[in-house]
């Protein structure tokens, strides 16, 4: 399928009523005017009594200001007790994109949910910007539990964790030790350490030492007061998107730079972060997870191998399930209505049973 066809598919699947369209040479850019900054279809545009509401909040985590959105279900009553779910966003993503979509859908199913920007990313504080270190991303999930446990109406005995893409990998790691989480789920899990170390689909096995040297040199430059060197993609042309061979990155560029772009979202991270990323692995210590576990992946996702690697290692949970969404690629599980509905239905069943 061509990039143009992908975009036509994306924009024909139901656009927010406040959507505005402007033409580029080959790709249609979608701009959404939403007071909450949300960029997904059917996003909340205002808080209406009797419906799901969104509550922007901030809190401190290790001295850093964290920006988050809490979603409360229809007819929310703070004197009642609700099962609650933390939602960790994808690598490069922010709370207004995929994480917000799933947080809103789960709130529609009756849960209190929270989606927070990672430390050093999005609207959260921390320098240098765009830092992506596993210890921080894992701590962000612990921090969501800290905050939401004090929120009116939250039943602290019924808190679940849900992570998407890189947020899925970090959620696996956080819940290995944090038993406040009574159930764990991932969608399109991305093992950031494995990919940064071995390359996507093991394409970088021959350059591991070279890249570690680059990361070491980048850290030395930072320590000497020099400019921070960044890895990743700052911007991309339509032609470059068309030439991208893997579904994950081609469709990811379309999603993050075109159809669901947000000014706080970026594919960048300091090159020195590779010192931490390349020695970390989401699938290590999976045997520590004894909570019920659900892992969801698309049958056509070129990232599915990461879920397939991690899932069998969870040997100490008596309740685990691998759920495959037939026909879905990694990025399509972020937005495509029929795949989102299947994922939400399964998540609702899973958390309903285990929270």
Protein backbone atom coordinates (compact mmCIF):
# COMPACT_ATOMS: atom_id res chain seq x y z
CA UNK A 1 0.00 0.00 0.00
CA UNK A 2 1.39 3.41 -0.93
CA UNK A 3 1.89 6.27 1.53
CA UNK A 4 -0.88 8.19 -0.20
CA UNK A 5 -3.23 5.26 0.18
CA UNK A 6 -2.32 4.95 3.83
CA UNK A 7 -3.18 8.58 4.40
CA UNK A 8 -6.45 8.33 2.53
CA UNK A 9 -7.31 5.36 4.74
CA UNK A 10 -6.35 7.31 7.83
CA UNK A 11 -8.38 10.40 7.08
CA UNK A 12 -11.43 8.53 5.83
CA UNK A 13 -11.87 6.54 9.04
CA UNK A 14 -13.61 9.30 10.96
CA UNK A 15 -12.10 12.69 11.72
CA UNK A 16 -12.78 14.89 14.74
CA UNK A 17 -15.48 17.47 13.97
CA UNK A 18 -12.92 20.22 14.54
CA UNK A 19 -10.46 18.80 12.01
CA UNK A 20 -8.94 21.10 9.42
CA UNK A 21 -7.20 19.78 6.30
CA UNK A 22 -4.37 21.35 4.31
CA UNK A 23 -2.74 19.85 1.25
CA UNK A 24 0.90 18.93 0.76
CA UNK A 25 2.39 17.46 -2.38
CA UNK A 26 1.53 13.87 -1.53
CA UNK A 27 0.40 13.68 2.06
CA UNK A 28 -2.60 15.30 3.63
CA UNK A 29 -1.78 16.99 6.92
CA UNK A 30 -4.45 16.90 9.60
CA UNK A 31 -4.64 19.70 12.14
CA UNK A 32 -6.95 19.37 15.12
CA UNK A 33 -8.10 22.33 17.17
CA UNK A 34 -8.77 20.86 20.61
CA UNK A 35 -8.49 22.82 23.87
CA UNK A 36 -6.91 19.80 25.57
CA UNK A 37 -4.31 19.31 22.84
CA UNK A 38 -5.66 15.83 22.02
CA UNK A 39 -5.02 14.68 18.46
CA UNK A 40 -6.99 11.46 18.14
CA UNK A 41 -10.39 10.99 16.53
CA UNK A 42 -13.44 11.59 18.76
CA UNK A 43 -11.21 13.09 21.45
CA UNK A 44 -12.83 14.94 24.33
CA UNK A 45 -13.28 18.59 23.39
CA UNK A 46 -14.96 19.76 26.59
CA UNK A 47 -15.98 18.33 29.94
CA UNK A 48 -19.70 17.59 29.92
CA UNK A 49 -21.67 16.42 32.95
CA UNK A 50 -22.60 12.76 32.72
CA UNK A 51 -19.84 11.95 30.22
CA UNK A 52 -16.19 10.93 30.45
CA UNK A 53 -14.18 13.94 31.64
CA UNK A 54 -10.48 14.80 31.35
CA UNK A 55 -8.59 16.47 34.18
CA UNK A 56 -5.14 17.92 33.43
CA UNK A 57 -2.94 17.49 36.52
CA UNK A 58 0.67 18.05 37.55
CA UNK A 59 2.71 16.42 40.28
CA UNK A 60 6.32 16.07 41.38
CA UNK A 61 8.39 12.98 40.73
CA UNK A 62 11.97 13.06 41.99
CA UNK A 63 11.92 16.84 41.80
CA UNK A 64 10.56 16.96 38.25
CA UNK A 65 7.16 18.37 37.29
CA UNK A 66 5.08 15.68 35.60
CA UNK A 67 2.19 16.66 33.32
CA UNK A 68 -0.64 14.14 33.10
CA UNK A 69 -4.28 13.74 32.17
CA UNK A 70 -6.68 11.86 34.44
CA UNK A 71 -9.83 10.50 32.80
CA UNK A 72 -12.90 9.84 34.93
CA UNK A 73 -15.85 7.71 33.79
CA UNK A 74 -19.33 9.00 33.07
CA UNK A 75 -21.23 10.03 36.21
CA UNK A 76 -18.00 9.85 38.21
CA UNK A 77 -18.64 10.10 41.93
CA UNK A 78 -15.48 10.71 44.03
CA UNK A 79 -17.16 9.10 47.04
CA UNK A 80 -17.34 5.77 45.20
CA UNK A 81 -14.44 3.39 44.46
CA UNK A 82 -13.23 2.66 40.93
CA UNK A 83 -10.75 0.27 39.38
CA UNK A 84 -7.92 2.35 37.91
CA UNK A 85 -5.39 1.94 35.10
CA UNK A 86 -2.09 3.69 34.36
CA UNK A 87 -1.31 4.16 30.66
CA UNK A 88 2.32 4.51 29.51
CA UNK A 89 2.82 6.16 26.12
CA UNK A 90 4.93 4.91 23.18
CA UNK A 91 8.51 5.96 22.52
CA UNK A 92 8.44 9.40 20.97
CA UNK A 93 4.78 9.78 21.87
CA UNK A 94 2.97 12.02 24.31
CA UNK A 95 -0.16 11.68 26.43
CA UNK A 96 -2.32 13.48 23.85
CA UNK A 97 -1.86 10.75 21.23
CA UNK A 98 -2.29 6.96 21.51
CA UNK A 99 -2.04 6.87 25.31
CA UNK A 100 -4.85 9.41 25.56
CA UNK A 101 -7.00 7.50 23.10
CA UNK A 102 -6.76 4.29 25.12
CA UNK A 103 -7.08 6.11 28.45
CA UNK A 104 -10.29 7.71 27.18
CA UNK A 105 -11.69 4.44 25.82
CA UNK A 106 -10.98 2.65 29.11
CA UNK A 107 -12.61 5.50 31.04
CA UNK A 108 -15.65 5.00 28.81
CA UNK A 109 -15.65 1.40 30.07
CA UNK A 110 -15.84 2.63 33.67
CA UNK A 111 -12.22 2.95 34.79
CA UNK A 112 -10.33 5.93 36.19
CA UNK A 113 -7.24 6.22 33.99
CA UNK A 114 -4.09 8.32 33.93
CA UNK A 115 -1.78 9.06 31.00
CA UNK A 116 1.37 11.03 31.87
CA UNK A 117 4.16 12.49 29.79
CA UNK A 118 7.42 10.79 30.65
CA UNK A 119 10.00 12.72 32.64
CA UNK A 120 12.16 14.89 30.33
CA UNK A 121 9.56 14.49 27.57
CA UNK A 122 6.33 16.13 26.39
CA UNK A 123 4.98 18.75 28.77
CA UNK A 124 6.82 17.25 31.75
CA UNK A 125 9.96 18.87 33.11
CA UNK A 126 13.55 17.70 33.16
CA UNK A 127 16.77 18.47 31.30
CA UNK A 128 18.20 17.55 28.90
CA UNK A 129 15.03 17.35 26.85
CA UNK A 130 13.94 14.10 25.19
CA UNK A 131 16.02 11.98 27.58
CA UNK A 132 15.04 8.33 27.18
CA UNK A 133 16.61 6.28 29.95
CA UNK A 134 14.96 3.04 31.06
CA UNK A 135 15.33 3.83 34.76
CA UNK A 136 13.43 7.10 34.28
CA UNK A 137 10.70 5.62 32.10
CA UNK A 138 10.18 2.82 34.61
CA UNK A 139 10.11 5.30 37.48
CA UNK A 140 7.45 7.28 35.59
CA UNK A 141 5.12 4.29 35.86
CA UNK A 142 5.79 3.93 39.58
CA UNK A 143 5.11 7.68 39.81
CA UNK A 144 1.73 7.38 38.08
CA UNK A 145 0.80 4.79 40.71
CA UNK A 146 2.00 7.12 43.48
CA UNK A 147 -0.16 9.98 42.25
CA UNK A 148 -3.29 8.15 41.19
CA UNK A 149 -3.41 6.20 44.46
CA UNK A 150 -4.25 9.49 46.19
CA UNK A 151 -6.89 10.52 43.65
CA UNK A 152 -10.51 10.64 44.90
CA UNK A 153 -12.42 7.49 44.02
CA UNK A 154 -9.41 5.28 43.26
CA UNK A 155 -9.54 1.80 44.75
CA UNK A 156 -5.88 1.16 45.57
CA UNK A 157 -6.56 -2.58 45.66
CA UNK A 158 -7.62 -2.49 42.01
CA UNK A 159 -4.89 -0.70 40.07
CA UNK A 160 -3.75 -2.07 36.72
CA UNK A 161 -0.89 -1.10 34.41
CA UNK A 162 -1.12 -0.78 30.64
CA UNK A 163 1.68 0.22 28.28
CA UNK A 164 1.89 0.80 24.55
CA UNK A 165 4.99 0.29 22.38
CA UNK A 166 8.03 1.40 24.40
CA UNK A 167 5.66 2.16 27.26
CA UNK A 168 4.72 -1.51 27.13
CA UNK A 169 8.31 -2.60 27.64
CA UNK A 170 8.74 -0.19 30.53
CA UNK A 171 5.43 -1.35 32.02
CA UNK A 172 6.68 -4.94 32.03
CA UNK A 173 9.76 -3.79 33.90
CA UNK A 174 7.86 -1.62 36.41
CA UNK A 175 5.39 -4.35 37.29
CA UNK A 176 8.09 -6.96 37.84
CA UNK A 177 8.69 -5.29 41.19
CA UNK A 178 5.71 -3.01 41.88
CA UNK A 179 2.96 -5.19 43.28
CA UNK A 180 0.56 -2.28 43.69
CA UNK A 181 -0.31 -3.23 40.12
CA UNK A 182 -2.71 -6.16 40.26
CA UNK A 183 -2.83 -6.80 36.50
CA UNK A 184 -0.52 -5.98 33.58
CA UNK A 185 -1.25 -5.45 29.88
CA UNK A 186 0.77 -4.35 26.87
CA UNK A 187 -0.10 -3.38 23.30
CA UNK A 188 2.43 -3.64 20.47
CA UNK A 189 5.23 -3.96 23.04
CA UNK A 190 8.55 -2.48 21.93
CA UNK A 191 11.69 -3.62 23.72
CA UNK A 192 13.71 -0.40 23.59
CA UNK A 193 16.89 -1.98 24.92
CA UNK A 194 16.90 -4.85 22.46
CA UNK A 195 16.30 -2.55 19.49
CA UNK A 196 18.86 0.07 20.53
CA UNK A 197 21.39 -2.71 21.11
CA UNK A 198 20.76 -5.09 18.20
CA UNK A 199 19.02 -2.78 15.74
CA UNK A 200 15.43 -3.18 14.59
CA UNK A 201 14.84 -6.78 13.57
CA UNK A 202 18.48 -7.45 14.55
CA UNK A 203 19.77 -5.28 11.73
CA UNK A 204 22.59 -3.74 13.77
CA UNK A 205 24.35 -6.73 15.28
CA UNK A 206 27.59 -5.89 13.46
CA UNK A 207 27.73 -2.30 14.71
CA UNK A 208 27.11 -2.70 18.45
CA UNK A 209 30.62 -1.78 19.57
CA UNK A 210 30.80 1.10 17.11
CA UNK A 211 27.57 2.56 18.44
CA UNK A 212 28.66 2.11 22.05
CA UNK A 213 31.82 4.06 21.20
CA UNK A 214 29.68 6.84 19.68
CA UNK A 215 27.54 6.94 22.81
CA UNK A 216 30.62 7.05 25.02
CA UNK A 217 32.07 9.92 22.99
CA UNK A 218 28.74 11.77 23.19
CA UNK A 219 28.72 11.46 26.96
CA UNK A 220 32.32 12.65 27.15
CA UNK A 221 31.36 15.71 25.11
CA UNK A 222 28.43 16.45 27.44
CA UNK A 223 30.62 16.03 30.52
CA UNK A 224 33.10 18.53 29.08
CA UNK A 225 30.31 21.08 28.69
CA UNK A 226 29.86 20.53 24.97
CA UNK A 227 26.74 20.35 22.87
CA UNK A 228 24.36 17.44 23.39
CA UNK A 229 24.35 15.08 20.42
CA UNK A 230 20.98 13.58 19.54
CA UNK A 231 20.03 10.38 17.75
CA UNK A 232 16.75 9.83 15.93
CA UNK A 233 14.78 11.74 13.33
CA UNK A 234 13.99 15.44 13.80
CA UNK A 235 11.91 15.80 10.63
CA UNK A 236 11.24 13.87 7.47
CA UNK A 237 10.11 14.53 3.90
CA UNK A 238 7.31 12.78 2.06
CA UNK A 239 9.87 11.21 -0.26
CA UNK A 240 11.88 9.85 2.67
CA UNK A 241 8.71 8.39 4.18
CA UNK A 242 7.91 6.62 0.92
CA UNK A 243 11.40 5.10 0.80
CA UNK A 244 11.23 3.75 4.38
CA UNK A 245 11.12 -0.03 4.07
CA UNK A 246 9.75 -1.16 7.45
CA UNK A 247 6.08 -0.77 8.34
CA UNK A 248 6.91 0.38 11.87
CA UNK A 249 8.96 3.37 10.81
CA UNK A 250 7.13 4.26 7.59
CA UNK A 251 3.72 4.23 9.26
CA UNK A 252 5.22 5.71 12.42
CA UNK A 253 6.54 8.73 10.51
CA UNK A 254 3.10 9.24 8.99
CA UNK A 255 1.41 8.99 12.39
CA UNK A 256 3.82 11.17 14.37
CA UNK A 257 4.75 13.71 11.70
CA UNK A 258 1.52 13.92 9.73
CA UNK A 259 -1.85 12.52 10.81
CA UNK A 260 -1.49 12.67 14.60
CA UNK A 261 1.38 15.12 15.00
CA UNK A 262 1.77 16.96 18.30
CA UNK A 263 4.33 19.70 18.98
CA UNK A 264 5.59 17.92 22.11
CA UNK A 265 6.20 14.64 20.31
CA UNK A 266 9.68 13.79 19.00
CA UNK A 267 11.76 10.87 17.75
CA UNK A 268 14.94 12.36 19.23
CA UNK A 269 16.94 11.21 22.25
CA UNK A 270 20.48 12.04 23.46
CA UNK A 271 22.99 9.66 21.91
CA UNK A 272 24.59 9.22 25.34
CA UNK A 273 21.38 7.50 26.48
CA UNK A 274 22.51 4.46 24.51
CA UNK A 275 24.91 3.67 27.35
CA UNK A 276 21.84 2.84 29.43
CA UNK A 277 19.52 1.61 26.71
CA UNK A 278 21.91 -0.88 25.13
CA UNK A 279 22.56 -2.68 28.42
CA UNK A 280 18.85 -2.94 29.33
CA UNK A 281 16.21 -5.43 28.21
CA UNK A 282 12.46 -5.41 28.86
CA UNK A 283 12.32 -9.20 28.75
CA UNK A 284 14.88 -9.72 31.50
CA UNK A 285 13.38 -10.94 34.80
CA UNK A 286 9.96 -11.62 33.30
CA UNK A 287 9.71 -14.43 35.86
CA UNK A 288 9.17 -11.74 38.51
CA UNK A 289 5.73 -10.97 37.08
CA UNK A 290 3.21 -12.98 39.06
CA UNK A 291 0.24 -10.75 38.27
CA UNK A 292 -2.22 -11.64 35.48
CA UNK A 293 -0.62 -10.67 32.16
CA UNK A 294 -2.14 -9.80 28.79
CA UNK A 295 0.05 -9.02 25.78
CA UNK A 296 -1.58 -7.79 22.57
CA UNK A 297 0.08 -7.54 19.15
CA UNK A 298 -0.96 -7.23 15.54
CA UNK A 299 -0.50 -10.29 13.34
CA UNK A 300 1.24 -8.16 10.70
CA UNK A 301 3.31 -6.09 13.14
CA UNK A 302 7.02 -6.24 12.36
CA UNK A 303 7.54 -5.70 16.11
CA UNK A 304 5.58 -8.81 17.07
CA UNK A 305 8.80 -10.75 17.62
CA UNK A 306 9.45 -8.72 20.78
CA UNK A 307 6.13 -9.77 22.32
CA UNK A 308 6.79 -13.36 21.21
CA UNK A 309 10.17 -13.29 22.97
CA UNK A 310 8.94 -11.80 26.26
CA UNK A 311 5.65 -13.65 26.72
CA UNK A 312 7.00 -17.20 27.32
CA UNK A 313 9.42 -15.87 29.95
CA UNK A 314 6.54 -14.91 32.27
CA UNK A 315 6.58 -18.33 33.90
CA UNK A 316 5.31 -17.35 37.34
CA UNK A 317 1.94 -15.94 36.48
CA UNK A 318 -0.93 -18.40 36.58
CA UNK A 319 -3.02 -16.23 34.25
CA UNK A 320 -1.48 -14.98 31.03
CA UNK A 321 -2.75 -14.54 27.51
CA UNK A 322 -1.27 -13.57 24.16
CA UNK A 323 -3.96 -11.88 22.06
CA UNK A 324 -3.34 -11.35 18.35
CA UNK A 325 -5.26 -8.74 16.35
CA UNK A 326 -5.55 -10.27 12.91
CA UNK A 327 -4.34 -8.04 10.08
CA UNK A 328 -2.99 -5.20 12.23
CA UNK A 329 0.44 -3.65 11.97
CA UNK A 330 2.14 -2.01 14.97
CA UNK A 331 1.10 1.58 14.20
CA UNK A 332 -2.39 0.62 13.07
CA UNK A 333 -3.16 -0.51 16.63
CA UNK A 334 -2.62 3.14 17.66
CA UNK A 335 -5.51 4.59 15.69
CA UNK A 336 -7.37 2.36 13.24
CA UNK A 337 -10.92 2.10 14.65
CA UNK A 338 -11.53 -1.62 14.10
CA UNK A 339 -8.22 -2.55 15.72
CA UNK A 340 -8.61 -0.11 18.59
CA UNK A 341 -12.06 -1.54 19.29
CA UNK A 342 -10.71 -5.09 19.39
CA UNK A 343 -7.90 -4.07 21.71
CA UNK A 344 -10.19 -2.10 24.03
CA UNK A 345 -12.71 -4.94 24.15
CA UNK A 346 -9.99 -7.38 25.15
CA UNK A 347 -8.46 -4.97 27.68
CA UNK A 348 -11.88 -4.36 29.24
CA UNK A 349 -12.47 -8.09 29.58
CA UNK A 350 -8.99 -8.63 31.05
CA UNK A 351 -9.07 -5.81 33.57
CA UNK A 352 -12.71 -6.53 34.39
CA UNK A 353 -11.73 -10.06 35.35
CA UNK A 354 -8.57 -9.19 37.25
CA UNK A 355 -9.22 -5.85 38.98
